[in-house]
Structures are given as structure tokens and as C-alpha cells.
Amino acid sequence: RRIDWSKLPAREREYLELLLDPADLTYEAIADRMGVKRGTVDYYARWFLEHYGAHGRAAITRLALESRPSPI
């Protein structure tokens, strides 16, 4: 499956962008950057895992990379 970035709410897109950050941010660091609690980031991760049948952070990251829109 591919992630349709254009149909995601802004916060889920932000989560994916931070997940793809070359700094390899921890979920705690992603939460800090988003200004949310760690539990919120865990929720985003669980949602992507369940919705896309991914099995772990690496799988979500791969899906996000493969379906990321090309920069204009």
C-alpha cells in the first residue's frame, strides 16, 4: 500500500516528515518538535501500523519514503 500524503491531516504529514528526518529522531524528540505529548506520537505510529499493515517503525518509514511526494 502507498500513503496518499495529500489526504492526510497536517499533523500526520508532520509526523511522517519528522519520522523521515535524517537526524533519526526518537519518538520523544518528534513529540517535542510537534509540541505534543509522547502518547500522541505513539498514537500516530499505531494508526499507521494498523491502517497500513506495517510491522514497526522501519516499515512505516519505508512506506513513507516510497510514497512521499516529489519536491516541486
PDB file of N, CA and C in Angstrom:
ATOM      1  N   ARG A   1       0.835  -1.194   0.000  1.00  0.00           N
ATOM      2  CA  ARG A   1       0.000   0.000   0.000  1.00  0.00           C
ATOM      3  C   ARG A   1       0.868   1.241   0.000  1.00  0.00           C
ATOM      4  N   ARG A   2       0.321   2.279  -0.542  1.00  0.00           N
ATOM      5  CA  ARG A   2       1.010   3.569  -0.560  1.00  0.00           C
ATOM      6  C   ARG A   2       0.242   4.550   0.313  1.00  0.00           C
ATOM      7  N   ILE A   3       0.960   5.449   0.893  1.00  0.00           N
ATOM      8  CA  ILE A   3       0.356   6.507   1.698  1.00  0.00           C
ATOM      9  C   ILE A   3       0.037   7.667   0.767  1.00  0.00           C
ATOM     10  N   ASP A   4      -1.203   8.106   0.773  1.00  0.00           N
ATOM     11  CA  ASP A   4      -1.588   9.274  -0.011  1.00  0.00           C
ATOM     12  C   ASP A   4      -1.418  10.499   0.881  1.00  0.00           C
ATOM     13  N   TRP A   5      -0.258  11.102   0.782  1.00  0.00           N
ATOM     14  CA  TRP A   5       0.082  12.241   1.644  1.00  0.00           C
ATOM     15  C   TRP A   5      -0.924  13.371   1.520  1.00  0.00           C
ATOM     16  N   SER A   6      -1.488  13.558   0.336  1.00  0.00           N
ATOM     17  CA  SER A   6      -2.408  14.682   0.118  1.00  0.00           C
ATOM     18  C   SER A   6      -3.704  14.525   0.904  1.00  0.00           C
ATOM     19  N   LYS A   7      -4.030  13.300   1.297  1.00  0.00           N
ATOM     20  CA  LYS A   7      -5.276  13.070   2.038  1.00  0.00           C
ATOM     21  C   LYS A   7      -5.073  13.012   3.547  1.00  0.00           C
ATOM     22  N   LEU A   8      -3.828  13.106   3.986  1.00  0.00           N
ATOM     23  CA  LEU A   8      -3.552  13.057   5.426  1.00  0.00           C
ATOM     24  C   LEU A   8      -3.766  14.420   6.060  1.00  0.00           C
ATOM     25  N   PRO A   9      -4.263  14.439   7.292  1.00  0.00           N
ATOM     26  CA  PRO A   9      -4.315  15.702   8.018  1.00  0.00           C
ATOM     27  C   PRO A   9      -2.891  16.244   8.224  1.00  0.00           C
ATOM     28  N   ALA A  10      -2.785  17.537   8.401  1.00  0.00           N
ATOM     29  CA  ALA A  10      -1.482  18.208   8.528  1.00  0.00           C
ATOM     30  C   ALA A  10      -0.606  17.586   9.613  1.00  0.00           C
ATOM     31  N   ARG A  11      -1.181  17.218  10.741  1.00  0.00           N
ATOM     32  CA  ARG A  11      -0.374  16.681  11.849  1.00  0.00           C
ATOM     33  C   ARG A  11       0.212  15.313  11.497  1.00  0.00           C
ATOM     34  N   GLU A  12      -0.524  14.482  10.782  1.00  0.00           N
ATOM     35  CA  GLU A  12       0.004  13.186  10.372  1.00  0.00           C
ATOM     36  C   GLU A  12       1.122  13.364   9.342  1.00  0.00           C
ATOM     37  N   ARG A  13       0.964  14.347   8.443  1.00  0.00           N
ATOM     38  CA  ARG A  13       2.041  14.640   7.490  1.00  0.00           C
ATOM     39  C   ARG A  13       3.279  15.135   8.227  1.00  0.00           C
ATOM     40  N   GLU A  14       3.065  15.985   9.219  1.00  0.00           N
ATOM     41  CA  GLU A  14       4.188  16.490  10.014  1.00  0.00           C
ATOM     42  C   GLU A  14       4.898  15.334  10.714  1.00  0.00           C
ATOM     43  N   TYR A  15       4.131  14.408  11.281  1.00  0.00           N
ATOM     44  CA  TYR A  15       4.716  13.231  11.936  1.00  0.00           C
ATOM     45  C   TYR A  15       5.591  12.459  10.951  1.00  0.00           C
ATOM     46  N   LEU A  16       5.079  12.201   9.740  1.00  0.00           N
ATOM     47  CA  LEU A  16       5.851  11.455   8.756  1.00  0.00           C
ATOM     48  C   LEU A  16       7.108  12.207   8.349  1.00  0.00           C
ATOM     49  N   GLU A  17       7.000  13.515   8.152  1.00  0.00           N
ATOM     50  CA  GLU A  17       8.185  14.309   7.797  1.00  0.00           C
ATOM     51  C   GLU A  17       9.258  14.194   8.878  1.00  0.00           C
ATOM     52  N   LEU A  18       8.840  14.277  10.133  1.00  0.00           N
ATOM     53  CA  LEU A  18       9.804  14.167  11.233  1.00  0.00           C
ATOM     54  C   LEU A  18      10.342  12.747  11.345  1.00  0.00           C
ATOM     55  N   LEU A  19       9.522  11.772  11.040  1.00  0.00           N
ATOM     56  CA  LEU A  19       9.978  10.387  11.046  1.00  0.00           C
ATOM     57  C   LEU A  19      11.068  10.182   9.997  1.00  0.00           C
ATOM     58  N   LEU A  20      10.965  10.905   8.891  1.00  0.00           N
ATOM     59  CA  LEU A  20      11.939  10.791   7.811  1.00  0.00           C
ATOM     60  C   LEU A  20      13.141  11.726   7.973  1.00  0.00           C
ATOM     61  N   ASP A  21      13.153  12.515   9.034  1.00  0.00           N
ATOM     62  CA  ASP A  21      14.264  13.440   9.264  1.00  0.00           C
ATOM     63  C   ASP A  21      15.585  12.674   9.290  1.00  0.00           C
ATOM     64  N   PRO A  22      16.599  13.162   8.582  1.00  0.00           N
ATOM     65  CA  PRO A  22      17.895  12.474   8.554  1.00  0.00           C
ATOM     66  C   PRO A  22      18.540  12.333   9.934  1.00  0.00           C
ATOM     67  N   ALA A  23      18.113  13.123  10.903  1.00  0.00           N
ATOM     68  CA  ALA A  23      18.673  13.038  12.249  1.00  0.00           C
ATOM     69  C   ALA A  23      18.190  11.789  12.990  1.00  0.00           C
ATOM     70  N   ASP A  24      17.262  11.017  12.387  1.00  0.00           N
ATOM     71  CA  ASP A  24      16.733   9.806  13.001  1.00  0.00           C
ATOM     72  C   ASP A  24      16.220  10.089  14.415  1.00  0.00           C
ATOM     73  N   LEU A  25      15.233  10.970  14.482  1.00  0.00           N
ATOM     74  CA  LEU A  25      14.684  11.427  15.762  1.00  0.00           C
ATOM     75  C   LEU A  25      13.986  10.308  16.521  1.00  0.00           C
ATOM     76  N   THR A  26      14.109  10.346  17.829  1.00  0.00           N
ATOM     77  CA  THR A  26      13.343   9.439  18.679  1.00  0.00           C
ATOM     78  C   THR A  26      11.895   9.919  18.703  1.00  0.00           C
ATOM     79  N   TYR A  27      10.994   9.055  19.160  1.00  0.00           N
ATOM     80  CA  TYR A  27       9.600   9.482  19.280  1.00  0.00           C
ATOM     81  C   TYR A  27       9.477  10.637  20.275  1.00  0.00           C
ATOM     82  N   GLU A  28      10.305  10.649  21.293  1.00  0.00           N
ATOM     83  CA  GLU A  28      10.302  11.750  22.260  1.00  0.00           C
ATOM     84  C   GLU A  28      10.692  13.060  21.575  1.00  0.00           C
ATOM     85  N   ALA A  29      11.707  13.018  20.730  1.00  0.00           N
ATOM     86  CA  ALA A  29      12.146  14.213  20.005  1.00  0.00           C
ATOM     87  C   ALA A  29      11.089  14.660  18.996  1.00  0.00           C
ATOM     88  N   ILE A  30      10.425  13.704  18.354  1.00  0.00           N
ATOM     89  CA  ILE A  30       9.342  14.050  17.433  1.00  0.00           C
ATOM     90  C   ILE A  30       8.227  14.752  18.199  1.00  0.00           C
ATOM     91  N   ALA A  31       7.883  14.229  19.363  1.00  0.00           N
ATOM     92  CA  ALA A  31       6.840  14.854  20.189  1.00  0.00           C
ATOM     93  C   ALA A  31       7.241  16.278  20.562  1.00  0.00           C
ATOM     94  N   ASP A  32       8.493  16.472  20.957  1.00  0.00           N
ATOM     95  CA  ASP A  32       8.964  17.812  21.313  1.00  0.00           C
ATOM     96  C   ASP A  32       8.843  18.770  20.136  1.00  0.00           C
ATOM     97  N   ARG A  33       9.266  18.324  18.963  1.00  0.00           N
ATOM     98  CA  ARG A  33       9.211  19.184  17.770  1.00  0.00           C
ATOM     99  C   ARG A  33       7.777  19.510  17.369  1.00  0.00           C
ATOM    100  N   MET A  34       6.871  18.548  17.586  1.00  0.00           N
ATOM    101  CA  MET A  34       5.470  18.771  17.228  1.00  0.00           C
ATOM    102  C   MET A  34       4.718  19.539  18.308  1.00  0.00           C
ATOM    103  N   GLY A  35       5.307  19.628  19.493  1.00  0.00           N
ATOM    104  CA  GLY A  35       4.637  20.305  20.600  1.00  0.00           C
ATOM    105  C   GLY A  35       3.489  19.489  21.172  1.00  0.00           C
ATOM    106  N   VAL A  36       3.642  18.157  21.143  1.00  0.00           N
ATOM    107  CA  VAL A  36       2.617  17.262  21.670  1.00  0.00           C
ATOM    108  C   VAL A  36       3.249  16.305  22.671  1.00  0.00           C
ATOM    109  N   LYS A  37       2.414  15.546  23.341  1.00  0.00           N
ATOM    110  CA  LYS A  37       2.910  14.539  24.276  1.00  0.00           C
ATOM    111  C   LYS A  37       3.391  13.308  23.516  1.00  0.00           C
ATOM    112  N   ARG A  38       4.261  12.566  24.151  1.00  0.00           N
ATOM    113  CA  ARG A  38       4.793  11.342  23.548  1.00  0.00           C
ATOM    114  C   ARG A  38       3.658  10.387  23.173  1.00  0.00           C
ATOM    115  N   GLY A  39       2.617  10.324  23.994  1.00  0.00           N
ATOM    116  CA  GLY A  39       1.483   9.450  23.725  1.00  0.00           C
ATOM    117  C   GLY A  39       0.798   9.776  22.408  1.00  0.00           C
ATOM    118  N   THR A  40       0.790  11.049  22.030  1.00  0.00           N
ATOM    119  CA  THR A  40       0.190  11.451  20.760  1.00  0.00           C
ATOM    120  C   THR A  40       1.009  10.886  19.598  1.00  0.00           C
ATOM    121  N   VAL A  41       2.323  10.947  19.715  1.00  0.00           N
ATOM    122  CA  VAL A  41       3.192  10.390  18.679  1.00  0.00           C
ATOM    123  C   VAL A  41       3.017   8.874  18.629  1.00  0.00           C
ATOM    124  N   ASP A  42       2.892   8.236  19.774  1.00  0.00           N
ATOM    125  CA  ASP A  42       2.630   6.799  19.806  1.00  0.00           C
ATOM    126  C   ASP A  42       1.316   6.477  19.102  1.00  0.00           C
ATOM    127  N   TYR A  43       0.316   7.333  19.286  1.00  0.00           N
ATOM    128  CA  TYR A  43      -0.972   7.143  18.608  1.00  0.00           C
ATOM    129  C   TYR A  43      -0.790   7.205  17.099  1.00  0.00           C
ATOM    130  N   TYR A  44      -0.061   8.215  16.599  1.00  0.00           N
ATOM    131  CA  TYR A  44       0.183   8.316  15.157  1.00  0.00           C
ATOM    132  C   TYR A  44       0.872   7.046  14.652  1.00  0.00           C
ATOM    133  N   ALA A  45       1.868   6.590  15.380  1.00  0.00           N
ATOM    134  CA  ALA A  45       2.602   5.388  14.970  1.00  0.00           C
ATOM    135  C   ALA A  45       1.664   4.183  14.920  1.00  0.00           C
ATOM    136  N   ARG A  46       0.860   3.993  15.964  1.00  0.00           N
ATOM    137  CA  ARG A  46      -0.087   2.863  15.982  1.00  0.00           C
ATOM    138  C   ARG A  46      -1.071   2.955  14.829  1.00  0.00           C
ATOM    139  N   TRP A  47      -1.549   4.174  14.546  1.00  0.00           N
ATOM    140  CA  TRP A  47      -2.522   4.358  13.479  1.00  0.00           C
ATOM    141  C   TRP A  47      -1.919   3.922  12.146  1.00  0.00           C
ATOM    142  N   PHE A  48      -0.709   4.368  11.853  1.00  0.00           N
ATOM    143  CA  PHE A  48      -0.062   3.975  10.598  1.00  0.00           C
ATOM    144  C   PHE A  48       0.215   2.476  10.572  1.00  0.00           C
ATOM    145  N   LEU A  49       0.636   1.923  11.697  1.00  0.00           N
ATOM    146  CA  LEU A  49       0.889   0.481  11.757  1.00  0.00           C
ATOM    147  C   LEU A  49      -0.376  -0.311  11.441  1.00  0.00           C
ATOM    148  N   GLU A  50      -1.475   0.059  12.069  1.00  0.00           N
ATOM    149  CA  GLU A  50      -2.730  -0.663  11.874  1.00  0.00           C
ATOM    150  C   GLU A  50      -3.340  -0.401  10.495  1.00  0.00           C
ATOM    151  N   HIS A  51      -3.339   0.855  10.090  1.00  0.00           N
ATOM    152  CA  HIS A  51      -4.002   1.224   8.841  1.00  0.00           C
ATOM    153  C   HIS A  51      -3.271   0.694   7.609  1.00  0.00           C
ATOM    154  N   TYR A  52      -1.957   0.635   7.675  1.00  0.00           N
ATOM    155  CA  TYR A  52      -1.180   0.217   6.509  1.00  0.00           C
ATOM    156  C   TYR A  52      -0.575  -1.171   6.667  1.00  0.00           C
ATOM    157  N   GLY A  53      -0.880  -1.857   7.743  1.00  0.00           N
ATOM    158  CA  GLY A  53      -0.388  -3.208   7.938  1.00  0.00           C
ATOM    159  C   GLY A  53       1.121  -3.283   8.086  1.00  0.00           C
ATOM    160  N   ALA A  54       1.706  -2.200   8.529  1.00  0.00           N
ATOM    161  CA  ALA A  54       3.161  -2.162   8.718  1.00  0.00           C
ATOM    162  C   ALA A  54       3.512  -2.872  10.020  1.00  0.00           C
ATOM    163  N   HIS A  55       4.735  -3.327  10.097  1.00  0.00           N
ATOM    164  CA  HIS A  55       5.187  -4.051  11.285  1.00  0.00           C
ATOM    165  C   HIS A  55       6.415  -3.370  11.882  1.00  0.00           C
ATOM    166  N   GLY A  56       6.200  -2.199  12.455  1.00  0.00           N
ATOM    167  CA  GLY A  56       7.284  -1.497  13.129  1.00  0.00           C
ATOM    168  C   GLY A  56       7.632  -0.180  12.465  1.00  0.00           C
ATOM    169  N   ARG A  57       8.439   0.587  13.181  1.00  0.00           N
ATOM    170  CA  ARG A  57       8.830   1.917  12.730  1.00  0.00           C
ATOM    171  C   ARG A  57       9.536   1.864  11.375  1.00  0.00           C
ATOM    172  N   ALA A  58      10.407   0.899  11.170  1.00  0.00           N
ATOM    173  CA  ALA A  58      11.133   0.808   9.899  1.00  0.00           C
ATOM    174  C   ALA A  58      10.169   0.629   8.734  1.00  0.00           C
ATOM    175  N   ALA A  59       9.118  -0.148   8.935  1.00  0.00           N
ATOM    176  CA  ALA A  59       8.144  -0.368   7.870  1.00  0.00           C
ATOM    177  C   ALA A  59       7.352   0.899   7.567  1.00  0.00           C
ATOM    178  N   ILE A  60       6.994   1.646   8.602  1.00  0.00           N
ATOM    179  CA  ILE A  60       6.298   2.917   8.389  1.00  0.00           C
ATOM    180  C   ILE A  60       7.222   3.867   7.625  1.00  0.00           C
ATOM    181  N   THR A  61       8.477   3.917   8.027  1.00  0.00           N
ATOM    182  CA  THR A  61       9.452   4.796   7.383  1.00  0.00           C
ATOM    183  C   THR A  61       9.599   4.429   5.906  1.00  0.00           C
ATOM    184  N   ARG A  62       9.713   3.143   5.610  1.00  0.00           N
ATOM    185  CA  ARG A  62       9.838   2.701   4.222  1.00  0.00           C
ATOM    186  C   ARG A  62       8.613   3.098   3.407  1.00  0.00           C
ATOM    187  N   LEU A  63       7.427   2.861   3.963  1.00  0.00           N
ATOM    188  CA  LEU A  63       6.190   3.252   3.277  1.00  0.00           C
ATOM    189  C   LEU A  63       6.153   4.748   3.003  1.00  0.00           C
ATOM    190  N   ALA A  64       6.530   5.524   4.007  1.00  0.00           N
ATOM    191  CA  ALA A  64       6.520   6.979   3.859  1.00  0.00           C
ATOM    192  C   ALA A  64       7.507   7.425   2.781  1.00  0.00           C
ATOM    193  N   LEU A  65       8.688   6.835   2.766  1.00  0.00           N
ATOM    194  CA  LEU A  65       9.686   7.179   1.750  1.00  0.00           C
ATOM    195  C   LEU A  65       9.218   6.811   0.348  1.00  0.00           C
ATOM    196  N   GLU A  66       8.655   5.624   0.216  1.00  0.00           N
ATOM    197  CA  GLU A  66       8.225   5.144  -1.095  1.00  0.00           C
ATOM    198  C   GLU A  66       7.058   5.947  -1.670  1.00  0.00           C
ATOM    199  N   SER A  67       6.247   6.517  -0.799  1.00  0.00           N
ATOM    200  CA  SER A  67       5.061   7.228  -1.288  1.00  0.00           C
ATOM    201  C   SER A  67       5.143   8.737  -1.100  1.00  0.00           C
ATOM    202  N   ARG A  68       6.294   9.219  -0.645  1.00  0.00           N
ATOM    203  CA  ARG A  68       6.477  10.658  -0.424  1.00  0.00           C
ATOM    204  C   ARG A  68       6.381  11.405  -1.751  1.00  0.00           C
ATOM    205  N   PRO A  69       5.628  12.514  -1.760  1.00  0.00           N
ATOM    206  CA  PRO A  69       5.529  13.288  -2.994  1.00  0.00           C
ATOM    207  C   PRO A  69       6.887  13.902  -3.350  1.00  0.00           C
ATOM    208  N   SER A  70       7.122  14.030  -4.626  1.00  0.00           N
ATOM    209  CA  SER A  70       8.363  14.649  -5.097  1.00  0.00           C
ATOM    210  C   SER A  70       8.333  16.135  -4.790  1.00  0.00           C
ATOM    211  N   PRO A  71       9.479  16.692  -4.380  1.00  0.00           N
ATOM    212  CA  PRO A  71       9.510  18.133  -4.144  1.00  0.00           C
ATOM    213  C   PRO A  71       9.326  18.887  -5.460  1.00  0.00           C
ATOM    214  N   ILE A  72       8.689  20.019  -5.363  1.00  0.00           N
ATOM    215  CA  ILE A  72       8.409  20.820  -6.587  1.00  0.00           C
ATOM    216  C   ILE A  72       9.573  21.736  -6.865  1.00  0.00           C
TER     217      ILE A  72
END
